[in-house]
Amino acid sequence: MTTSDWNAALYLNFGTERLRPALDLLARVSSENPNLIYDLGCGPGNVTAFLKRRWPRAKIIGIDSSADMLEKAATVGEDIEWQWGDLNTWQPEAPADLLYSNSTLHWLDNHEALFPGLLNAVKPGGVMAVQIPNNFSEPSHTCIADTVRDGPWQGRLKLFQREQPVKEMVEYYQILRPHVTSLDMWETIYHQQLEGEDPVVTWTMSTMLRPLLDQLSQAEGAMFIENYRQRVRKAYPPQNDGKTILPFKRMFMVAVK
């Protein structure tokens, strides 16, 4: 299987569940009249649309590295500018009043340099608001790591595996606090009530499994998914009503420069 783009339709299978943390982050941003807002890792644009509705007069630019996501974003029907960009090297056209990033920065490395670098794109008095998943020590993600290690694909996949891509909250405090005037940080565990057969597999196929499956043939990918499915079913059995409960932890940071 060759390297593929993000699948916006698959990602939106759990649109409601993925939207709630984004709106919880947005609710803690106190900016009143920002002129320029960047949504870093805007994905299919559904969250960016909420930014526009809250600040209709602001210029809002959604940045993403996925052509499929940007194509979907272009259909949201809001006055938003969409741009392709690699956040490893991205530079703003002008300093931002608000830099917003929902569930994106865990895909990037070297957070000690990344976060201060992003703050450089924010005006004095501006805000950087970030949400990143932190479920990497839970079965939804450790079962992926176990499947990688136990298969013939281990050598090929270990380079693409992001087993612990985020830091402890106190480390982000140490990274951010010297550069900002105030810093609000918190964690939330969302107990997602998922429907369908093997919904945890479907959830991870659009995120953490995607770069791994891209490296496998169709037959290998099917074998990998089946091995992962057997592991994760034991960790997240269906409830009596058929739904599957997926506890999912997320980290939030709202920094005022």
C-alpha atoms as a PDB file:
ATOM      1  CA  MET A   1       0.000   0.000   0.000  1.00  0.00           C
ATOM      2  CA  THR A   2       1.516   3.303  -1.028  1.00  0.00           C
ATOM      3  CA  THR A   3       1.508   6.379   1.172  1.00  0.00           C
ATOM      4  CA  SER A   4      -1.958   7.952   1.048  1.00  0.00           C
ATOM      5  CA  ASP A   5      -3.596  11.166   2.069  1.00  0.00           C
ATOM      6  CA  TRP A   6      -5.817  11.627   5.096  1.00  0.00           C
ATOM      7  CA  ASN A   7      -9.356  10.314   4.584  1.00  0.00           C
ATOM      8  CA  ALA A   8     -11.723  13.097   5.606  1.00  0.00           C
ATOM      9  CA  ALA A   9     -14.845  10.924   5.364  1.00  0.00           C
ATOM     10  CA  LEU A  10     -13.383   8.249   7.644  1.00  0.00           C
ATOM     11  CA  TYR A  11     -12.174  10.879  10.105  1.00  0.00           C
ATOM     12  CA  LEU A  12     -15.686  12.349  10.306  1.00  0.00           C
ATOM     13  CA  ASN A  13     -17.250   8.985  11.213  1.00  0.00           C
ATOM     14  CA  PHE A  14     -17.024  10.204  14.807  1.00  0.00           C
ATOM     15  CA  GLY A  15     -17.501  13.880  14.043  1.00  0.00           C
ATOM     16  CA  THR A  16     -19.510  14.634  17.181  1.00  0.00           C
ATOM     17  CA  GLU A  17     -17.022  12.935  19.496  1.00  0.00           C
ATOM     18  CA  ARG A  18     -14.043  14.656  17.855  1.00  0.00           C
ATOM     19  CA  LEU A  19     -15.787  18.035  17.898  1.00  0.00           C
ATOM     20  CA  ARG A  20     -16.450  18.275  21.636  1.00  0.00           C
ATOM     21  CA  PRO A  21     -12.801  18.749  22.775  1.00  0.00           C
ATOM     22  CA  ALA A  22     -12.335  21.386  20.066  1.00  0.00           C
ATOM     23  CA  LEU A  23     -15.318  23.358  21.354  1.00  0.00           C
ATOM     24  CA  ASP A  24     -14.209  22.916  24.970  1.00  0.00           C
ATOM     25  CA  LEU A  25     -10.875  24.482  23.995  1.00  0.00           C
ATOM     26  CA  LEU A  26     -12.606  27.289  22.116  1.00  0.00           C
ATOM     27  CA  ALA A  27     -14.801  28.063  25.134  1.00  0.00           C
ATOM     28  CA  ARG A  28     -11.721  28.879  27.227  1.00  0.00           C
ATOM     29  CA  VAL A  29     -10.328  31.412  24.746  1.00  0.00           C
ATOM     30  CA  SER A  30     -11.242  34.898  25.965  1.00  0.00           C
ATOM     31  CA  SER A  31     -10.138  36.919  22.926  1.00  0.00           C
ATOM     32  CA  GLU A  32     -12.827  39.501  22.142  1.00  0.00           C
ATOM     33  CA  ASN A  33     -12.034  40.949  18.713  1.00  0.00           C
ATOM     34  CA  PRO A  34      -9.141  39.119  17.051  1.00  0.00           C
ATOM     35  CA  ASN A  35      -8.319  40.345  13.571  1.00  0.00           C
ATOM     36  CA  LEU A  36      -6.237  37.395  12.343  1.00  0.00           C
ATOM     37  CA  ILE A  37      -6.762  33.765  13.345  1.00  0.00           C
ATOM     38  CA  TYR A  38      -4.907  30.675  12.150  1.00  0.00           C
ATOM     39  CA  ASP A  39      -6.347  27.194  12.590  1.00  0.00           C
ATOM     40  CA  LEU A  40      -3.316  24.899  12.435  1.00  0.00           C
ATOM     41  CA  GLY A  41      -4.233  21.410  11.266  1.00  0.00           C
ATOM     42  CA  CYS A  42      -7.726  22.523  10.298  1.00  0.00           C
ATOM     43  CA  GLY A  43      -8.658  19.118   8.854  1.00  0.00           C
ATOM     44  CA  PRO A  44     -12.101  19.079   7.192  1.00  0.00           C
ATOM     45  CA  GLY A  45     -12.850  22.607   8.402  1.00  0.00           C
ATOM     46  CA  ASN A  46     -15.771  21.814  10.700  1.00  0.00           C
ATOM     47  CA  VAL A  47     -13.990  23.319  13.710  1.00  0.00           C
ATOM     48  CA  THR A  48     -12.709  26.296  11.706  1.00  0.00           C
ATOM     49  CA  ALA A  49     -16.320  27.126  10.899  1.00  0.00           C
ATOM     50  CA  PHE A  50     -17.026  27.553  14.618  1.00  0.00           C
ATOM     51  CA  LEU A  51     -14.121  30.000  14.843  1.00  0.00           C
ATOM     52  CA  LYS A  52     -15.686  32.033  12.043  1.00  0.00           C
ATOM     53  CA  ARG A  53     -19.108  32.010  13.661  1.00  0.00           C
ATOM     54  CA  ARG A  54     -17.682  33.271  16.937  1.00  0.00           C
ATOM     55  CA  TRP A  55     -15.539  35.964  15.289  1.00  0.00           C
ATOM     56  CA  PRO A  56     -17.291  36.724  11.972  1.00  0.00           C
ATOM     57  CA  ARG A  57     -15.229  39.855  11.271  1.00  0.00           C
ATOM     58  CA  ALA A  58     -11.864  38.162  11.727  1.00  0.00           C
ATOM     59  CA  LYS A  59      -9.704  36.944   8.874  1.00  0.00           C
ATOM     60  CA  ILE A  60      -9.431  33.207   9.452  1.00  0.00           C
ATOM     61  CA  ILE A  61      -6.938  30.965   7.671  1.00  0.00           C
ATOM     62  CA  GLY A  62      -7.093  27.181   7.932  1.00  0.00           C
ATOM     63  CA  ILE A  63      -3.773  25.394   7.428  1.00  0.00           C
ATOM     64  CA  ASP A  64      -3.433  21.692   6.673  1.00  0.00           C
ATOM     65  CA  SER A  65      -1.035  19.367   4.846  1.00  0.00           C
ATOM     66  CA  SER A  66      -3.774  17.057   3.531  1.00  0.00           C
ATOM     67  CA  ALA A  67      -5.273  17.777   0.119  1.00  0.00           C
ATOM     68  CA  ASP A  68      -8.282  15.590   0.926  1.00  0.00           C
ATOM     69  CA  MET A  69      -8.956  17.471   4.156  1.00  0.00           C
ATOM     70  CA  LEU A  70      -8.633  20.860   2.440  1.00  0.00           C
ATOM     71  CA  GLU A  71     -10.961  19.753  -0.359  1.00  0.00           C
ATOM     72  CA  LYS A  72     -13.560  18.842   2.267  1.00  0.00           C
ATOM     73  CA  ALA A  73     -12.924  22.097   4.156  1.00  0.00           C
ATOM     74  CA  ALA A  74     -13.648  24.127   1.034  1.00  0.00           C
ATOM     75  CA  THR A  75     -17.266  22.918   1.186  1.00  0.00           C
ATOM     76  CA  VAL A  76     -18.092  24.266   4.668  1.00  0.00           C
ATOM     77  CA  GLY A  77     -19.598  27.418   3.180  1.00  0.00           C
ATOM     78  CA  GLU A  78     -17.891  30.019   5.358  1.00  0.00           C
ATOM     79  CA  ASP A  79     -15.700  33.007   4.461  1.00  0.00           C
ATOM     80  CA  ILE A  80     -12.472  31.241   5.377  1.00  0.00           C
ATOM     81  CA  GLU A  81      -9.160  31.027   3.533  1.00  0.00           C
ATOM     82  CA  TRP A  82      -7.717  27.531   3.188  1.00  0.00           C
ATOM     83  CA  GLN A  83      -4.008  26.956   2.670  1.00  0.00           C
ATOM     84  CA  TRP A  84      -1.798  23.923   2.281  1.00  0.00           C
ATOM     85  CA  GLY A  85       1.099  24.010   4.718  1.00  0.00           C
ATOM     86  CA  ASP A  86       3.602  21.769   6.479  1.00  0.00           C
ATOM     87  CA  LEU A  87       3.523  22.784  10.140  1.00  0.00           C
ATOM     88  CA  ASN A  88       7.110  21.629  10.587  1.00  0.00           C
ATOM     89  CA  THR A  89       8.213  24.627   8.528  1.00  0.00           C
ATOM     90  CA  TRP A  90       5.113  26.860   8.467  1.00  0.00           C
ATOM     91  CA  GLN A  91       5.498  30.612   8.909  1.00  0.00           C
ATOM     92  CA  PRO A  92       2.541  33.025   9.157  1.00  0.00           C
ATOM     93  CA  GLU A  93       1.956  35.791   6.652  1.00  0.00           C
ATOM     94  CA  ALA A  94       1.528  38.117   9.668  1.00  0.00           C
ATOM     95  CA  PRO A  95       1.551  37.641  13.468  1.00  0.00           C
ATOM     96  CA  ALA A  96      -1.700  36.171  14.762  1.00  0.00           C
ATOM     97  CA  ASP A  97      -4.144  37.420  17.357  1.00  0.00           C
ATOM     98  CA  LEU A  98      -5.157  33.786  17.884  1.00  0.00           C
ATOM     99  CA  LEU A  99      -3.256  30.637  16.992  1.00  0.00           C
ATOM    100  CA  TYR A 100      -5.645  27.697  17.433  1.00  0.00           C
ATOM    101  CA  SER A 101      -4.699  24.031  17.035  1.00  0.00           C
ATOM    102  CA  ASN A 102      -6.974  21.107  17.787  1.00  0.00           C
ATOM    103  CA  SER A 103      -5.593  17.548  17.823  1.00  0.00           C
ATOM    104  CA  THR A 104      -2.650  18.212  15.509  1.00  0.00           C
ATOM    105  CA  LEU A 105       0.632  18.972  17.261  1.00  0.00           C
ATOM    106  CA  HIS A 106       1.148  15.400  18.535  1.00  0.00           C
ATOM    107  CA  TRP A 107       2.010  14.540  14.919  1.00  0.00           C
ATOM    108  CA  LEU A 108       5.052  16.832  15.106  1.00  0.00           C
ATOM    109  CA  ASP A 109       8.343  16.247  16.906  1.00  0.00           C
ATOM    110  CA  ASN A 110      10.664  18.357  19.080  1.00  0.00           C
ATOM    111  CA  HIS A 111       8.011  20.147  21.119  1.00  0.00           C
ATOM    112  CA  GLU A 112      10.745  21.954  23.089  1.00  0.00           C
ATOM    113  CA  ALA A 113      11.403  24.019  19.961  1.00  0.00           C
ATOM    114  CA  LEU A 114       8.007  23.699  18.260  1.00  0.00           C
ATOM    115  CA  PHE A 115       5.874  25.376  20.921  1.00  0.00           C
ATOM    116  CA  PRO A 116       8.114  28.449  21.432  1.00  0.00           C
ATOM    117  CA  GLY A 117       8.405  28.703  17.659  1.00  0.00           C
ATOM    118  CA  LEU A 118       4.624  28.796  17.294  1.00  0.00           C
ATOM    119  CA  LEU A 119       4.433  31.447  20.004  1.00  0.00           C
ATOM    120  CA  ASN A 120       6.691  33.591  17.819  1.00  0.00           C
ATOM    121  CA  ALA A 121       3.789  33.670  15.346  1.00  0.00           C
ATOM    122  CA  VAL A 122       1.527  35.301  17.976  1.00  0.00           C
ATOM    123  CA  LYS A 123       1.281  39.035  18.641  1.00  0.00           C
ATOM    124  CA  PRO A 124       2.021  40.372  22.138  1.00  0.00           C
ATOM    125  CA  GLY A 125      -1.248  39.988  23.999  1.00  0.00           C
ATOM    126  CA  GLY A 126      -2.394  37.327  21.548  1.00  0.00           C
ATOM    127  CA  VAL A 127      -3.375  33.759  22.380  1.00  0.00           C
ATOM    128  CA  MET A 128      -2.167  30.286  21.469  1.00  0.00           C
ATOM    129  CA  ALA A 129      -4.790  27.608  22.199  1.00  0.00           C
ATOM    130  CA  VAL A 130      -3.819  23.936  21.814  1.00  0.00           C
ATOM    131  CA  GLN A 131      -5.513  20.588  22.356  1.00  0.00           C
ATOM    132  CA  ILE A 132      -3.616  17.318  21.909  1.00  0.00           C
ATOM    133  CA  PRO A 133      -4.634  13.720  22.618  1.00  0.00           C
ATOM    134  CA  ASN A 134      -2.937  11.950  25.498  1.00  0.00           C
ATOM    135  CA  ASN A 135      -4.300   8.416  25.266  1.00  0.00           C
ATOM    136  CA  PHE A 136      -1.037   6.806  24.281  1.00  0.00           C
ATOM    137  CA  SER A 137      -0.713   4.726  27.470  1.00  0.00           C
ATOM    138  CA  GLU A 138      -4.229   3.278  27.094  1.00  0.00           C
ATOM    139  CA  PRO A 139      -5.166   0.032  25.287  1.00  0.00           C
ATOM    140  CA  SER A 140      -6.488   1.900  22.242  1.00  0.00           C
ATOM    141  CA  HIS A 141      -2.863   2.818  21.541  1.00  0.00           C
ATOM    142  CA  THR A 142      -0.740   0.262  23.395  1.00  0.00           C
ATOM    143  CA  CYS A 143      -2.471  -2.482  21.401  1.00  0.00           C
ATOM    144  CA  ILE A 144      -1.176  -0.790  18.258  1.00  0.00           C
ATOM    145  CA  ALA A 145       2.367  -0.888  19.616  1.00  0.00           C
ATOM    146  CA  ASP A 146       1.978  -4.538  20.619  1.00  0.00           C
ATOM    147  CA  THR A 147       0.716  -5.431  17.146  1.00  0.00           C
ATOM    148  CA  VAL A 148       3.685  -3.670  15.551  1.00  0.00           C
ATOM    149  CA  ARG A 149       6.169  -5.548  17.736  1.00  0.00           C
ATOM    150  CA  ASP A 150       4.562  -8.973  17.291  1.00  0.00           C
ATOM    151  CA  GLY A 151       4.404  -9.060  13.486  1.00  0.00           C
ATOM    152  CA  PRO A 152       6.768  -9.558  10.531  1.00  0.00           C
ATOM    153  CA  TRP A 153       6.355  -5.854   9.730  1.00  0.00           C
ATOM    154  CA  GLN A 154       8.141  -4.656  12.883  1.00  0.00           C
ATOM    155  CA  GLY A 155      11.271  -3.463  11.107  1.00  0.00           C
ATOM    156  CA  ARG A 156       9.327  -1.428   8.563  1.00  0.00           C
ATOM    157  CA  LEU A 157       6.769   0.064  10.929  1.00  0.00           C
ATOM    158  CA  LYS A 158       8.839   1.084  13.933  1.00  0.00           C
ATOM    159  CA  LEU A 159      10.022   4.226  12.124  1.00  0.00           C
ATOM    160  CA  PHE A 160       6.405   5.323  11.615  1.00  0.00           C
ATOM    161  CA  GLN A 161       5.138   4.425  15.080  1.00  0.00           C
ATOM    162  CA  ARG A 162       4.435   7.310  17.459  1.00  0.00           C
ATOM    163  CA  GLU A 163       4.286   5.404  20.725  1.00  0.00           C
ATOM    164  CA  GLN A 164       4.723   8.352  23.135  1.00  0.00           C
ATOM    165  CA  PRO A 165       4.637  11.558  21.067  1.00  0.00           C
ATOM    166  CA  VAL A 166       3.516  13.937  23.834  1.00  0.00           C
ATOM    167  CA  LYS A 167       5.110  15.097  27.073  1.00  0.00           C
ATOM    168  CA  GLU A 168       3.834  15.352  30.621  1.00  0.00           C
ATOM    169  CA  MET A 169       1.807  18.456  31.398  1.00  0.00           C
ATOM    170  CA  VAL A 170       4.463  19.852  33.723  1.00  0.00           C
ATOM    171  CA  GLU A 171       6.978  19.703  30.858  1.00  0.00           C
ATOM    172  CA  TYR A 172       4.702  21.831  28.679  1.00  0.00           C
ATOM    173  CA  TYR A 173       4.430  24.273  31.560  1.00  0.00           C
ATOM    174  CA  GLN A 174       8.219  24.496  31.671  1.00  0.00           C
ATOM    175  CA  ILE A 175       8.388  24.976  27.884  1.00  0.00           C
ATOM    176  CA  LEU A 176       5.663  27.633  27.660  1.00  0.00           C
ATOM    177  CA  ARG A 177       5.739  29.607  30.903  1.00  0.00           C
ATOM    178  CA  PRO A 178       8.925  31.642  30.206  1.00  0.00           C
ATOM    179  CA  HIS A 179       7.360  32.979  26.978  1.00  0.00           C
ATOM    180  CA  VAL A 180       3.841  33.947  28.109  1.00  0.00           C
ATOM    181  CA  THR A 181       2.060  36.244  30.560  1.00  0.00           C
ATOM    182  CA  SER A 182      -0.542  33.652  31.575  1.00  0.00           C
ATOM    183  CA  LEU A 183      -1.055  29.946  31.027  1.00  0.00           C
ATOM    184  CA  ASP A 184      -4.201  27.861  31.564  1.00  0.00           C
ATOM    185  CA  MET A 185      -3.674  24.074  31.420  1.00  0.00           C
ATOM    186  CA  TRP A 186      -5.989  21.136  32.078  1.00  0.00           C
ATOM    187  CA  GLU A 187      -6.763  17.532  31.143  1.00  0.00           C
ATOM    188  CA  THR A 188     -10.129  15.919  30.442  1.00  0.00           C
ATOM    189  CA  ILE A 189     -11.073  12.271  29.991  1.00  0.00           C
ATOM    190  CA  TYR A 190     -13.996  11.887  27.584  1.00  0.00           C
ATOM    191  CA  HIS A 191     -15.888   8.623  27.940  1.00  0.00           C
ATOM    192  CA  GLN A 192     -16.909   8.244  24.323  1.00  0.00           C
ATOM    193  CA  GLN A 193     -20.007   6.108  23.679  1.00  0.00           C
ATOM    194  CA  LEU A 194     -19.227   4.590  20.301  1.00  0.00           C
ATOM    195  CA  GLU A 195     -21.615   2.661  18.084  1.00  0.00           C
ATOM    196  CA  GLY A 196     -20.987   0.029  15.446  1.00  0.00           C
ATOM    197  CA  GLU A 197     -18.885  -3.101  15.169  1.00  0.00           C
ATOM    198  CA  ASP A 198     -15.337  -2.705  16.494  1.00  0.00           C
ATOM    199  CA  PRO A 199     -15.669   1.099  16.727  1.00  0.00           C
ATOM    200  CA  VAL A 200     -12.299   1.548  18.461  1.00  0.00           C
ATOM    201  CA  VAL A 201     -10.653   0.069  15.372  1.00  0.00           C
ATOM    202  CA  THR A 202     -12.616   2.453  13.152  1.00  0.00           C
ATOM    203  CA  TRP A 203     -11.619   5.365  15.416  1.00  0.00           C
ATOM    204  CA  THR A 204      -7.896   4.627  15.226  1.00  0.00           C
ATOM    205  CA  MET A 205      -7.910   3.733  11.515  1.00  0.00           C
ATOM    206  CA  SER A 206      -8.478   7.399  10.669  1.00  0.00           C
ATOM    207  CA  THR A 207      -5.703   8.592  13.000  1.00  0.00           C
ATOM    208  CA  MET A 208      -2.883   6.584  14.601  1.00  0.00           C
ATOM    209  CA  LEU A 209      -3.201   3.520  12.365  1.00  0.00           C
ATOM    210  CA  ARG A 210      -3.155   5.492   9.135  1.00  0.00           C
ATOM    211  CA  PRO A 211       0.634   6.050   8.739  1.00  0.00           C
ATOM    212  CA  LEU A 212       1.298   2.418   9.678  1.00  0.00           C
ATOM    213  CA  LEU A 213      -1.189   0.915   7.243  1.00  0.00           C
ATOM    214  CA  ASP A 214       0.257   3.114   4.495  1.00  0.00           C
ATOM    215  CA  GLN A 215       3.468   1.057   4.708  1.00  0.00           C
ATOM    216  CA  LEU A 216       1.770  -2.334   4.279  1.00  0.00           C
ATOM    217  CA  SER A 217       0.370  -4.251   1.353  1.00  0.00           C
ATOM    218  CA  GLN A 218      -3.381  -4.824   1.271  1.00  0.00           C
ATOM    219  CA  ALA A 219      -2.962  -8.368   2.627  1.00  0.00           C
ATOM    220  CA  GLU A 220      -0.565  -7.271   5.341  1.00  0.00           C
ATOM    221  CA  GLY A 221      -2.871  -4.420   6.294  1.00  0.00           C
ATOM    222  CA  ALA A 222      -5.801  -6.796   6.676  1.00  0.00           C
ATOM    223  CA  MET A 223      -3.676  -9.077   8.877  1.00  0.00           C
ATOM    224  CA  PHE A 224      -2.506  -6.138  10.977  1.00  0.00           C
ATOM    225  CA  ILE A 225      -6.052  -4.879  11.513  1.00  0.00           C
ATOM    226  CA  GLU A 226      -7.289  -8.330  12.494  1.00  0.00           C
ATOM    227  CA  ASN A 227      -4.482  -8.771  15.028  1.00  0.00           C
ATOM    228  CA  TYR A 228      -5.171  -5.324  16.472  1.00  0.00           C
ATOM    229  CA  ARG A 229      -8.911  -5.997  16.474  1.00  0.00           C
ATOM    230  CA  GLN A 230      -8.516  -9.131  18.588  1.00  0.00           C
ATOM    231  CA  ARG A 231      -6.420  -7.268  21.165  1.00  0.00           C
ATOM    232  CA  VAL A 232      -8.584  -4.177  21.418  1.00  0.00           C
ATOM    233  CA  ARG A 233     -11.883  -6.095  21.640  1.00  0.00           C
ATOM    234  CA  LYS A 234     -10.759  -7.539  24.969  1.00  0.00           C
ATOM    235  CA  ALA A 235      -9.930  -4.082  26.310  1.00  0.00           C
ATOM    236  CA  TYR A 236     -13.180  -2.428  25.177  1.00  0.00           C
ATOM    237  CA  PRO A 237     -16.030  -4.985  25.209  1.00  0.00           C
ATOM    238  CA  PRO A 238     -19.476  -3.867  24.019  1.00  0.00           C
ATOM    239  CA  GLN A 239     -21.973  -2.879  26.722  1.00  0.00           C
ATOM    240  CA  ASN A 240     -25.405  -4.452  27.084  1.00  0.00           C
ATOM    241  CA  ASP A 241     -26.899  -1.822  24.782  1.00  0.00           C
ATOM    242  CA  GLY A 242     -24.297  -2.578  22.102  1.00  0.00           C
ATOM    243  CA  LYS A 243     -22.281   0.607  22.584  1.00  0.00           C
ATOM    244  CA  THR A 244     -18.555   0.599  23.316  1.00  0.00           C
ATOM    245  CA  ILE A 245     -17.129   2.954  25.937  1.00  0.00           C
ATOM    246  CA  LEU A 246     -13.788   4.483  24.962  1.00  0.00           C
ATOM    247  CA  PRO A 247     -12.196   6.642  27.691  1.00  0.00           C
ATOM    248  CA  PHE A 248     -10.004   9.151  25.901  1.00  0.00           C
ATOM    249  CA  LYS A 249      -7.722  11.674  27.632  1.00  0.00           C
ATOM    250  CA  ARG A 250      -6.903  15.035  26.109  1.00  0.00           C
ATOM    251  CA  MET A 251      -4.563  17.881  27.143  1.00  0.00           C
ATOM    252  CA  PHE A 252      -5.440  21.558  26.818  1.00  0.00           C
ATOM    253  CA  MET A 253      -3.282  24.688  26.932  1.00  0.00           C
ATOM    254  CA  VAL A 254      -4.336  28.317  26.498  1.00  0.00           C
ATOM    255  CA  ALA A 255      -1.355  30.663  26.581  1.00  0.00           C
ATOM    256  CA  VAL A 256      -1.535  34.473  26.481  1.00  0.00           C
ATOM    257  CA  LYS A 257       1.656  36.021  25.151  1.00  0.00           C
END
